Amino acid sequence: MKLQVKFFGFSVGLLSLLMSLAVSAQASSTWSQWPSVGQASLSWLWFDIYHSTLRTPSGQYAGLQAPLALQIRYQREISAQELLDATREQWQKLGYTTEQIEPWLRQLATIFPNVTEGDQLVYVSAGNSGHFYYQAKRQHQFERVGQITEAALNQAFIAIWLSPQTEYPKLRQQLIGAS
């Protein structure tokens, strides 16, 4: 005989599911409450590409292994393929091998959206893994669009902006609050 417990008309199983979804939503939105460490903009010639903000729980940059959120607000239309191509280029400049890059790009291809002016993409890293969140310009909330569970990919993605060897050291300095 199976015992079915009811709580205000909901089965306990359904109530547990709803509660876990609420806790997950609360945890995923926590990053937006973190203080800003720094902000930077990337421009090419006279075109603004994006504005970025680095957030951490303490408001201080503590390295690539610490929890952080990298928030990017795009200032122009960029296809998912263009984002992937730019990611590949940055990883090559950082010294990652094709054998490392290609599987990572296949995973990111399932996550990256086409973006337009005003859209936001956020990567929230817990140190060894992380989640991507996306908010179109006219949306009111962020939507979780992907997860990274491989520590090496997590670190490589963050390194594009925060590695001392990044192609854009001034942008890094602004993001980590060093300038």
N, C-alpha and C. Protein backbone atom coordinates (compact mmCIF):
# COMPACT_ATOMS: atom_id res chain seq x y z
N MET A 1 0.85 -1.17 0.00
CA MET A 1 0.00 0.00 0.00
C MET A 1 0.90 1.24 0.00
N LYS A 2 0.62 2.17 -0.92
CA LYS A 2 1.41 3.39 -1.02
C LYS A 2 0.72 4.50 -0.25
N LEU A 3 1.47 5.16 0.61
CA LEU A 3 0.93 6.25 1.42
C LEU A 3 1.13 7.57 0.68
N GLN A 4 0.09 8.31 0.45
CA GLN A 4 0.15 9.61 -0.25
C GLN A 4 -0.20 10.68 0.78
N VAL A 5 0.75 11.53 1.10
CA VAL A 5 0.54 12.59 2.07
C VAL A 5 0.11 13.85 1.32
N LYS A 6 -0.92 14.51 1.81
CA LYS A 6 -1.40 15.75 1.18
C LYS A 6 -1.09 16.93 2.09
N PHE A 7 -0.73 18.03 1.48
CA PHE A 7 -0.45 19.26 2.19
C PHE A 7 -1.14 20.38 1.44
N PHE A 8 -2.20 20.93 1.98
CA PHE A 8 -2.99 21.95 1.33
C PHE A 8 -3.41 21.52 -0.07
N GLY A 9 -3.74 20.23 -0.21
CA GLY A 9 -4.22 19.73 -1.49
C GLY A 9 -3.13 19.30 -2.46
N PHE A 10 -1.86 19.52 -2.12
CA PHE A 10 -0.75 19.09 -2.97
C PHE A 10 -0.15 17.82 -2.40
N SER A 11 0.25 16.92 -3.25
CA SER A 11 0.99 15.76 -2.75
C SER A 11 2.36 16.25 -2.31
N VAL A 12 2.95 15.57 -1.36
CA VAL A 12 4.24 15.99 -0.84
C VAL A 12 5.29 15.98 -1.95
N GLY A 13 5.23 15.01 -2.87
CA GLY A 13 6.18 14.96 -3.97
C GLY A 13 6.13 16.22 -4.81
N LEU A 14 4.94 16.67 -5.17
CA LEU A 14 4.78 17.88 -5.96
C LEU A 14 5.23 19.10 -5.17
N LEU A 15 4.90 19.14 -3.89
CA LEU A 15 5.32 20.25 -3.04
C LEU A 15 6.84 20.31 -2.96
N SER A 16 7.49 19.16 -2.82
CA SER A 16 8.97 19.13 -2.77
C SER A 16 9.55 19.65 -4.07
N LEU A 17 8.97 19.25 -5.20
CA LEU A 17 9.45 19.71 -6.49
C LEU A 17 9.31 21.22 -6.60
N LEU A 18 8.15 21.75 -6.22
CA LEU A 18 7.93 23.19 -6.29
C LEU A 18 8.90 23.94 -5.37
N MET A 19 9.14 23.41 -4.19
CA MET A 19 10.05 24.06 -3.27
C MET A 19 11.48 24.04 -3.81
N SER A 20 11.90 22.92 -4.42
CA SER A 20 13.25 22.87 -4.96
C SER A 20 13.41 23.82 -6.13
N LEU A 21 12.37 23.98 -6.94
CA LEU A 21 12.43 24.94 -8.03
C LEU A 21 12.53 26.36 -7.50
N ALA A 22 11.81 26.67 -6.45
CA ALA A 22 11.87 28.00 -5.86
C ALA A 22 13.25 28.28 -5.28
N VAL A 23 13.84 27.30 -4.61
CA VAL A 23 15.18 27.47 -4.04
C VAL A 23 16.19 27.65 -5.16
N SER A 24 16.05 26.85 -6.24
CA SER A 24 16.96 26.98 -7.38
C SER A 24 16.85 28.36 -8.02
N ALA A 25 15.64 28.86 -8.19
CA ALA A 25 15.44 30.18 -8.78
C ALA A 25 16.04 31.26 -7.89
N GLN A 26 15.88 31.10 -6.57
CA GLN A 26 16.45 32.09 -5.65
C GLN A 26 17.97 32.07 -5.72
N ALA A 27 18.58 30.89 -5.74
CA ALA A 27 20.04 30.80 -5.80
C ALA A 27 20.56 31.36 -7.11
N SER A 28 19.84 31.11 -8.21
CA SER A 28 20.32 31.58 -9.51
C SER A 28 20.21 33.09 -9.64
N SER A 29 19.32 33.71 -8.90
CA SER A 29 19.19 35.16 -8.99
C SER A 29 20.07 35.87 -7.96
N THR A 30 20.70 35.13 -7.06
CA THR A 30 21.53 35.70 -6.02
C THR A 30 22.65 36.56 -6.60
N TRP A 31 23.25 36.13 -7.70
CA TRP A 31 24.37 36.87 -8.30
C TRP A 31 23.99 38.31 -8.59
N SER A 32 22.75 38.57 -8.94
CA SER A 32 22.35 39.94 -9.29
C SER A 32 22.36 40.86 -8.08
N GLN A 33 22.39 40.29 -6.89
CA GLN A 33 22.46 41.08 -5.66
C GLN A 33 23.91 41.32 -5.22
N TRP A 34 24.85 40.63 -5.83
CA TRP A 34 26.26 40.81 -5.47
C TRP A 34 26.73 42.19 -5.87
N PRO A 35 27.58 42.81 -5.08
CA PRO A 35 28.12 44.13 -5.46
C PRO A 35 29.05 44.03 -6.66
N SER A 36 29.13 45.10 -7.37
CA SER A 36 30.00 45.19 -8.54
C SER A 36 31.45 45.36 -8.09
N VAL A 37 32.35 44.60 -8.71
CA VAL A 37 33.78 44.76 -8.49
C VAL A 37 34.30 45.84 -9.43
N GLY A 38 33.86 45.77 -10.69
CA GLY A 38 34.29 46.73 -11.69
C GLY A 38 33.47 46.61 -12.96
N GLN A 39 33.60 47.62 -13.80
CA GLN A 39 32.87 47.67 -15.07
C GLN A 39 33.83 48.08 -16.17
N ALA A 40 33.56 47.60 -17.38
CA ALA A 40 34.40 47.95 -18.52
C ALA A 40 33.57 47.84 -19.79
N SER A 41 34.00 48.54 -20.82
CA SER A 41 33.35 48.48 -22.12
C SER A 41 34.38 48.08 -23.17
N LEU A 42 33.93 47.29 -24.12
CA LEU A 42 34.78 46.93 -25.25
C LEU A 42 34.24 47.63 -26.48
N SER A 43 35.11 48.37 -27.14
CA SER A 43 34.76 49.07 -28.37
C SER A 43 35.79 48.72 -29.43
N TRP A 44 35.36 48.75 -30.67
CA TRP A 44 36.25 48.55 -31.79
C TRP A 44 36.03 49.71 -32.74
N LEU A 45 37.08 50.50 -32.96
CA LEU A 45 36.97 51.76 -33.71
C LEU A 45 35.90 52.61 -33.05
N TRP A 46 34.83 52.92 -33.73
CA TRP A 46 33.77 53.75 -33.13
C TRP A 46 32.55 52.92 -32.75
N PHE A 47 32.66 51.58 -32.80
CA PHE A 47 31.54 50.70 -32.45
C PHE A 47 31.68 50.19 -31.03
N ASP A 48 30.65 50.40 -30.22
CA ASP A 48 30.60 49.76 -28.91
C ASP A 48 30.14 48.32 -29.12
N ILE A 49 30.88 47.37 -28.55
CA ILE A 49 30.55 45.96 -28.68
C ILE A 49 29.71 45.51 -27.48
N TYR A 50 30.24 45.77 -26.26
CA TYR A 50 29.49 45.41 -25.06
C TYR A 50 29.99 46.20 -23.87
N HIS A 51 29.14 46.23 -22.84
CA HIS A 51 29.51 46.74 -21.53
C HIS A 51 29.51 45.53 -20.60
N SER A 52 30.50 45.42 -19.74
CA SER A 52 30.60 44.27 -18.86
C SER A 52 30.72 44.72 -17.41
N THR A 53 30.25 43.85 -16.53
CA THR A 53 30.33 44.07 -15.10
C THR A 53 30.77 42.77 -14.44
N LEU A 54 31.71 42.86 -13.53
CA LEU A 54 32.12 41.72 -12.73
C LEU A 54 31.53 41.89 -11.34
N ARG A 55 30.86 40.84 -10.85
CA ARG A 55 30.25 40.84 -9.52
C ARG A 55 30.78 39.66 -8.71
N THR A 56 30.96 39.87 -7.43
CA THR A 56 31.32 38.80 -6.51
C THR A 56 30.51 38.98 -5.23
N PRO A 57 30.40 37.93 -4.42
CA PRO A 57 29.64 38.06 -3.17
C PRO A 57 30.18 39.15 -2.25
N SER A 58 31.50 39.38 -2.27
CA SER A 58 32.10 40.38 -1.38
C SER A 58 32.30 41.74 -2.05
N GLY A 59 32.18 41.78 -3.39
CA GLY A 59 32.48 43.01 -4.10
C GLY A 59 33.97 43.18 -4.36
N GLN A 60 34.76 42.15 -4.05
CA GLN A 60 36.21 42.16 -4.26
C GLN A 60 36.57 40.99 -5.17
N TYR A 61 37.52 41.20 -6.06
CA TYR A 61 38.00 40.12 -6.92
C TYR A 61 38.95 39.24 -6.14
N ALA A 62 38.67 37.93 -6.10
CA ALA A 62 39.50 37.00 -5.33
C ALA A 62 40.10 35.91 -6.21
N GLY A 63 40.14 36.12 -7.51
CA GLY A 63 40.75 35.15 -8.41
C GLY A 63 39.72 34.33 -9.17
N LEU A 64 40.23 33.54 -10.11
CA LEU A 64 39.37 32.77 -11.00
C LEU A 64 38.63 31.63 -10.30
N GLN A 65 39.15 31.16 -9.19
CA GLN A 65 38.52 30.03 -8.49
C GLN A 65 37.37 30.45 -7.58
N ALA A 66 37.25 31.73 -7.30
CA ALA A 66 36.23 32.22 -6.38
C ALA A 66 34.90 32.40 -7.12
N PRO A 67 33.79 32.39 -6.39
CA PRO A 67 32.50 32.67 -7.04
C PRO A 67 32.50 34.06 -7.67
N LEU A 68 31.99 34.14 -8.89
CA LEU A 68 31.90 35.43 -9.57
C LEU A 68 30.84 35.36 -10.65
N ALA A 69 30.39 36.52 -11.05
CA ALA A 69 29.43 36.64 -12.15
C ALA A 69 29.96 37.67 -13.13
N LEU A 70 30.06 37.27 -14.38
CA LEU A 70 30.47 38.16 -15.44
C LEU A 70 29.23 38.48 -16.27
N GLN A 71 28.80 39.73 -16.21
CA GLN A 71 27.56 40.18 -16.85
C GLN A 71 27.93 41.02 -18.07
N ILE A 72 27.40 40.64 -19.24
CA ILE A 72 27.70 41.35 -20.47
C ILE A 72 26.41 41.86 -21.10
N ARG A 73 26.35 43.17 -21.31
CA ARG A 73 25.21 43.79 -22.00
C ARG A 73 25.71 44.20 -23.38
N TYR A 74 25.14 43.56 -24.40
CA TYR A 74 25.59 43.79 -25.78
C TYR A 74 25.05 45.11 -26.33
N GLN A 75 25.90 45.77 -27.10
CA GLN A 75 25.57 47.07 -27.67
C GLN A 75 25.34 47.00 -29.18
N ARG A 76 25.33 45.78 -29.70
CA ARG A 76 25.12 45.58 -31.14
C ARG A 76 24.65 44.15 -31.37
N GLU A 77 24.15 43.90 -32.54
CA GLU A 77 23.70 42.56 -32.92
C GLU A 77 24.90 41.69 -33.23
N ILE A 78 24.94 40.50 -32.62
CA ILE A 78 26.02 39.55 -32.83
C ILE A 78 25.40 38.15 -32.87
N SER A 79 25.71 37.40 -33.91
CA SER A 79 25.16 36.05 -34.02
C SER A 79 25.87 35.11 -33.05
N ALA A 80 25.21 34.00 -32.74
CA ALA A 80 25.83 32.99 -31.89
C ALA A 80 27.13 32.49 -32.52
N GLN A 81 27.14 32.35 -33.84
CA GLN A 81 28.36 31.89 -34.51
C GLN A 81 29.49 32.90 -34.36
N GLU A 82 29.18 34.19 -34.43
CA GLU A 82 30.20 35.21 -34.23
C GLU A 82 30.75 35.17 -32.79
N LEU A 83 29.87 34.91 -31.82
CA LEU A 83 30.32 34.76 -30.44
C LEU A 83 31.26 33.56 -30.31
N LEU A 84 30.90 32.46 -30.95
CA LEU A 84 31.75 31.27 -30.92
C LEU A 84 33.10 31.53 -31.59
N ASP A 85 33.07 32.21 -32.73
CA ASP A 85 34.32 32.52 -33.44
C ASP A 85 35.23 33.42 -32.59
N ALA A 86 34.64 34.41 -31.93
CA ALA A 86 35.43 35.30 -31.06
C ALA A 86 35.98 34.53 -29.86
N THR A 87 35.20 33.61 -29.33
CA THR A 87 35.65 32.79 -28.21
C THR A 87 36.83 31.92 -28.64
N ARG A 88 36.72 31.29 -29.81
CA ARG A 88 37.81 30.47 -30.35
C ARG A 88 39.10 31.32 -30.48
N GLU A 89 38.95 32.50 -31.06
CA GLU A 89 40.10 33.38 -31.27
C GLU A 89 40.77 33.74 -29.94
N GLN A 90 39.97 34.07 -28.94
CA GLN A 90 40.54 34.44 -27.65
C GLN A 90 41.24 33.25 -26.99
N TRP A 91 40.65 32.07 -27.08
CA TRP A 91 41.29 30.88 -26.50
C TRP A 91 42.60 30.56 -27.21
N GLN A 92 42.63 30.73 -28.52
CA GLN A 92 43.87 30.49 -29.25
C GLN A 92 44.96 31.46 -28.78
N LYS A 93 44.58 32.72 -28.59
CA LYS A 93 45.54 33.72 -28.12
C LYS A 93 46.02 33.43 -26.69
N LEU A 94 45.17 32.77 -25.91
CA LEU A 94 45.55 32.40 -24.55
C LEU A 94 46.37 31.11 -24.51
N GLY A 95 46.54 30.46 -25.66
CA GLY A 95 47.38 29.27 -25.73
C GLY A 95 46.69 27.94 -25.59
N TYR A 96 45.37 27.92 -25.60
CA TYR A 96 44.67 26.64 -25.55
C TYR A 96 44.83 25.93 -26.89
N THR A 97 44.83 24.61 -26.86
CA THR A 97 45.02 23.81 -28.07
C THR A 97 43.68 23.56 -28.77
N THR A 98 43.77 23.22 -30.04
CA THR A 98 42.58 22.87 -30.81
C THR A 98 41.85 21.70 -30.16
N GLU A 99 42.60 20.74 -29.63
CA GLU A 99 42.00 19.57 -28.98
C GLU A 99 41.18 19.97 -27.76
N GLN A 100 41.56 21.04 -27.09
CA GLN A 100 40.79 21.54 -25.96
C GLN A 100 39.61 22.38 -26.46
N ILE A 101 39.87 23.26 -27.40
CA ILE A 101 38.90 24.27 -27.83
C ILE A 101 37.69 23.67 -28.53
N GLU A 102 37.90 22.74 -29.44
CA GLU A 102 36.78 22.26 -30.27
C GLU A 102 35.65 21.61 -29.47
N PRO A 103 35.92 20.73 -28.50
CA PRO A 103 34.82 20.20 -27.70
C PRO A 103 34.11 21.29 -26.88
N TRP A 104 34.88 22.25 -26.39
CA TRP A 104 34.28 23.35 -25.63
C TRP A 104 33.35 24.16 -26.50
N LEU A 105 33.78 24.44 -27.73
CA LEU A 105 32.93 25.22 -28.64
C LEU A 105 31.66 24.47 -29.01
N ARG A 106 31.76 23.15 -29.15
CA ARG A 106 30.54 22.36 -29.44
C ARG A 106 29.54 22.50 -28.28
N GLN A 107 30.05 22.50 -27.06
CA GLN A 107 29.15 22.67 -25.91
C GLN A 107 28.56 24.08 -25.88
N LEU A 108 29.39 25.09 -26.10
CA LEU A 108 28.91 26.47 -26.08
C LEU A 108 27.93 26.75 -27.23
N ALA A 109 28.06 26.01 -28.33
CA ALA A 109 27.14 26.19 -29.47
C ALA A 109 25.71 25.84 -29.08
N THR A 110 25.54 24.99 -28.08
CA THR A 110 24.20 24.64 -27.62
C THR A 110 23.65 25.66 -26.62
N ILE A 111 24.51 26.59 -26.21
CA ILE A 111 24.14 27.57 -25.17
C ILE A 111 24.01 28.99 -25.72
N PHE A 112 24.99 29.43 -26.50
CA PHE A 112 25.04 30.83 -26.94
C PHE A 112 23.83 31.18 -27.81
N PRO A 113 23.17 32.29 -27.49
CA PRO A 113 22.08 32.78 -28.33
C PRO A 113 22.61 33.81 -29.33
N ASN A 114 21.81 34.14 -30.32
CA ASN A 114 22.05 35.33 -31.11
C ASN A 114 21.67 36.49 -30.21
N VAL A 115 22.48 37.54 -30.18
CA VAL A 115 22.17 38.68 -29.32
C VAL A 115 21.93 39.93 -30.15
N THR A 116 21.14 40.82 -29.60
CA THR A 116 20.90 42.11 -30.22
C THR A 116 21.20 43.19 -29.18
N GLU A 117 21.20 44.42 -29.60
CA GLU A 117 21.51 45.53 -28.70
C GLU A 117 20.60 45.50 -27.48
N GLY A 118 21.20 45.55 -26.31
CA GLY A 118 20.45 45.56 -25.05
C GLY A 118 20.29 44.19 -24.41
N ASP A 119 20.56 43.11 -25.14
CA ASP A 119 20.49 41.77 -24.56
C ASP A 119 21.64 41.58 -23.59
N GLN A 120 21.43 40.69 -22.60
CA GLN A 120 22.48 40.40 -21.62
C GLN A 120 22.74 38.91 -21.54
N LEU A 121 24.00 38.57 -21.41
CA LEU A 121 24.43 37.19 -21.16
C LEU A 121 25.28 37.25 -19.91
N VAL A 122 25.01 36.38 -18.97
CA VAL A 122 25.74 36.36 -17.71
C VAL A 122 26.30 34.97 -17.49
N TYR A 123 27.55 34.90 -17.09
CA TYR A 123 28.14 33.63 -16.67
C TYR A 123 28.42 33.72 -15.18
N VAL A 124 27.84 32.80 -14.43
CA VAL A 124 28.03 32.75 -12.98
C VAL A 124 28.86 31.51 -12.67
N SER A 125 30.06 31.74 -12.16
CA SER A 125 30.98 30.65 -11.85
C SER A 125 31.01 30.40 -10.36
N ALA A 126 30.96 29.13 -10.01
CA ALA A 126 31.09 28.73 -8.61
C ALA A 126 32.53 28.32 -8.31
N GLY A 127 33.43 28.50 -9.27
CA GLY A 127 34.83 28.13 -9.09
C GLY A 127 35.25 27.02 -10.04
N ASN A 128 34.50 25.92 -10.04
CA ASN A 128 34.80 24.79 -10.93
C ASN A 128 33.70 24.52 -11.94
N SER A 129 32.59 25.15 -11.79
CA SER A 129 31.45 24.97 -12.70
C SER A 129 30.67 26.28 -12.73
N GLY A 130 29.70 26.35 -13.62
CA GLY A 130 28.93 27.58 -13.69
C GLY A 130 27.70 27.45 -14.56
N HIS A 131 26.94 28.54 -14.61
CA HIS A 131 25.70 28.60 -15.38
C HIS A 131 25.67 29.87 -16.23
N PHE A 132 25.06 29.74 -17.39
CA PHE A 132 24.80 30.89 -18.25
C PHE A 132 23.35 31.32 -18.08
N TYR A 133 23.15 32.63 -18.04
CA TYR A 133 21.82 33.22 -17.97
C TYR A 133 21.70 34.23 -19.11
N TYR A 134 20.51 34.32 -19.67
CA TYR A 134 20.27 35.21 -20.80
C TYR A 134 19.02 36.03 -20.53
N GLN A 135 19.08 37.29 -20.91
CA GLN A 135 17.91 38.17 -20.82
C GLN A 135 17.88 39.02 -22.08
N ALA A 136 16.83 38.81 -22.87
CA ALA A 136 16.63 39.66 -24.04
C ALA A 136 16.23 41.05 -23.55
N LYS A 137 16.47 42.03 -24.37
CA LYS A 137 16.23 43.43 -23.99
C LYS A 137 14.84 43.65 -23.41
N ARG A 138 13.86 43.02 -23.97
CA ARG A 138 12.47 43.27 -23.54
C ARG A 138 11.95 42.27 -22.51
N GLN A 139 12.79 41.36 -22.09
CA GLN A 139 12.40 40.42 -21.04
C GLN A 139 12.62 41.06 -19.68
N HIS A 140 11.85 40.61 -18.71
CA HIS A 140 11.98 41.17 -17.36
C HIS A 140 12.87 40.33 -16.45
N GLN A 141 13.11 39.07 -16.84
CA GLN A 141 13.90 38.20 -16.00
C GLN A 141 14.94 37.46 -16.82
N PHE A 142 15.98 37.02 -16.12
CA PHE A 142 17.00 36.20 -16.75
C PHE A 142 16.50 34.76 -16.82
N GLU A 143 16.90 34.08 -17.89
CA GLU A 143 16.55 32.69 -18.08
C GLU A 143 17.84 31.88 -18.10
N ARG A 144 17.89 30.79 -17.35
CA ARG A 144 19.08 29.95 -17.37
C ARG A 144 19.11 29.20 -18.70
N VAL A 145 20.22 29.34 -19.44
CA VAL A 145 20.29 28.76 -20.78
C VAL A 145 21.37 27.68 -20.92
N GLY A 146 22.18 27.48 -19.90
CA GLY A 146 23.20 26.45 -20.01
C GLY A 146 24.03 26.30 -18.76
N GLN A 147 24.72 25.18 -18.71
CA GLN A 147 25.54 24.86 -17.55
C GLN A 147 26.88 24.34 -18.03
N ILE A 148 27.94 24.69 -17.31
CA ILE A 148 29.28 24.18 -17.54
C ILE A 148 29.65 23.37 -16.30
N THR A 149 29.98 22.11 -16.51
CA THR A 149 30.36 21.26 -15.37
C THR A 149 31.83 20.89 -15.39
N GLU A 150 32.52 21.16 -16.49
CA GLU A 150 33.94 20.84 -16.61
C GLU A 150 34.77 22.01 -16.07
N ALA A 151 35.59 21.74 -15.07
CA ALA A 151 36.38 22.79 -14.44
C ALA A 151 37.30 23.50 -15.43
N ALA A 152 37.91 22.77 -16.34
CA ALA A 152 38.82 23.39 -17.30
C ALA A 152 38.09 24.36 -18.22
N LEU A 153 36.90 24.00 -18.67
CA LEU A 153 36.11 24.90 -19.52
C LEU A 153 35.66 26.11 -18.72
N ASN A 154 35.24 25.90 -17.49
CA ASN A 154 34.84 27.00 -16.62
C ASN A 154 35.97 28.03 -16.51
N GLN A 155 37.18 27.56 -16.23
CA GLN A 155 38.32 28.46 -16.07
C GLN A 155 38.71 29.11 -17.39
N ALA A 156 38.65 28.35 -18.48
CA ALA A 156 39.01 28.91 -19.79
C ALA A 156 38.04 30.00 -20.21
N PHE A 157 36.76 29.82 -19.91
CA PHE A 157 35.79 30.84 -20.30
C PHE A 157 36.04 32.14 -19.54
N ILE A 158 36.24 32.05 -18.26
CA ILE A 158 36.49 33.23 -17.44
C ILE A 158 37.82 33.90 -17.84
N ALA A 159 38.79 33.07 -18.22
CA ALA A 159 40.12 33.59 -18.57
C ALA A 159 40.08 34.57 -19.73
N ILE A 160 39.10 34.45 -20.60
CA ILE A 160 39.00 35.37 -21.74
C ILE A 160 39.02 36.82 -21.24
N TRP A 161 38.37 37.09 -20.13
CA TRP A 161 38.29 38.45 -19.58
C TRP A 161 39.26 38.68 -18.43
N LEU A 162 39.51 37.62 -17.62
CA LEU A 162 40.18 37.85 -16.35
C LEU A 162 41.60 37.31 -16.24
N SER A 163 42.06 36.57 -17.21
CA SER A 163 43.44 36.09 -17.18
C SER A 163 44.41 37.26 -17.33
N PRO A 164 45.54 37.23 -16.62
CA PRO A 164 46.56 38.26 -16.85
C PRO A 164 47.05 38.29 -18.30
N GLN A 165 46.86 37.20 -19.04
CA GLN A 165 47.28 37.12 -20.44
C GLN A 165 46.17 37.50 -21.42
N THR A 166 45.06 38.04 -20.95
CA THR A 166 43.96 38.41 -21.83
C THR A 166 44.43 39.39 -22.90
N GLU A 167 43.75 39.39 -24.02
CA GLU A 167 44.09 40.33 -25.09
C GLU A 167 43.77 41.78 -24.68
N TYR A 168 42.89 41.94 -23.71
CA TYR A 168 42.44 43.28 -23.30
C TYR A 168 42.80 43.54 -21.84
N PRO A 169 44.07 43.82 -21.54
CA PRO A 169 44.47 43.99 -20.14
C PRO A 169 43.83 45.20 -19.45
N LYS A 170 43.55 46.26 -20.18
CA LYS A 170 42.90 47.43 -19.56
C LYS A 170 41.47 47.09 -19.15
N LEU A 171 40.79 46.32 -19.97
CA LEU A 171 39.44 45.88 -19.64
C LEU A 171 39.49 45.00 -18.38
N ARG A 172 40.46 44.10 -18.32
CA ARG A 172 40.62 43.24 -17.14
C ARG A 172 40.84 44.09 -15.90
N GLN A 173 41.74 45.07 -15.99
CA GLN A 173 42.05 45.93 -14.85
C GLN A 173 40.79 46.64 -14.35
N GLN A 174 39.97 47.13 -15.28
CA GLN A 174 38.73 47.80 -14.88
C GLN A 174 37.76 46.80 -14.23
N LEU A 175 37.64 45.60 -14.80
CA LEU A 175 36.71 44.61 -14.24
C LEU A 175 37.10 44.18 -12.84
N ILE A 176 38.40 43.98 -12.59
CA ILE A 176 38.81 43.50 -11.27
C ILE A 176 39.00 44.63 -10.27
N GLY A 177 38.68 45.84 -10.69
CA GLY A 177 38.73 46.98 -9.78
C GLY A 177 40.13 47.47 -9.49
N ALA A 178 41.07 47.19 -10.41
CA ALA A 178 42.46 47.58 -10.19
C ALA A 178 42.80 48.94 -10.79
N SER A 179 41.85 49.55 -11.49
CA SER A 179 42.17 50.86 -12.08
C SER A 179 41.10 51.88 -11.74
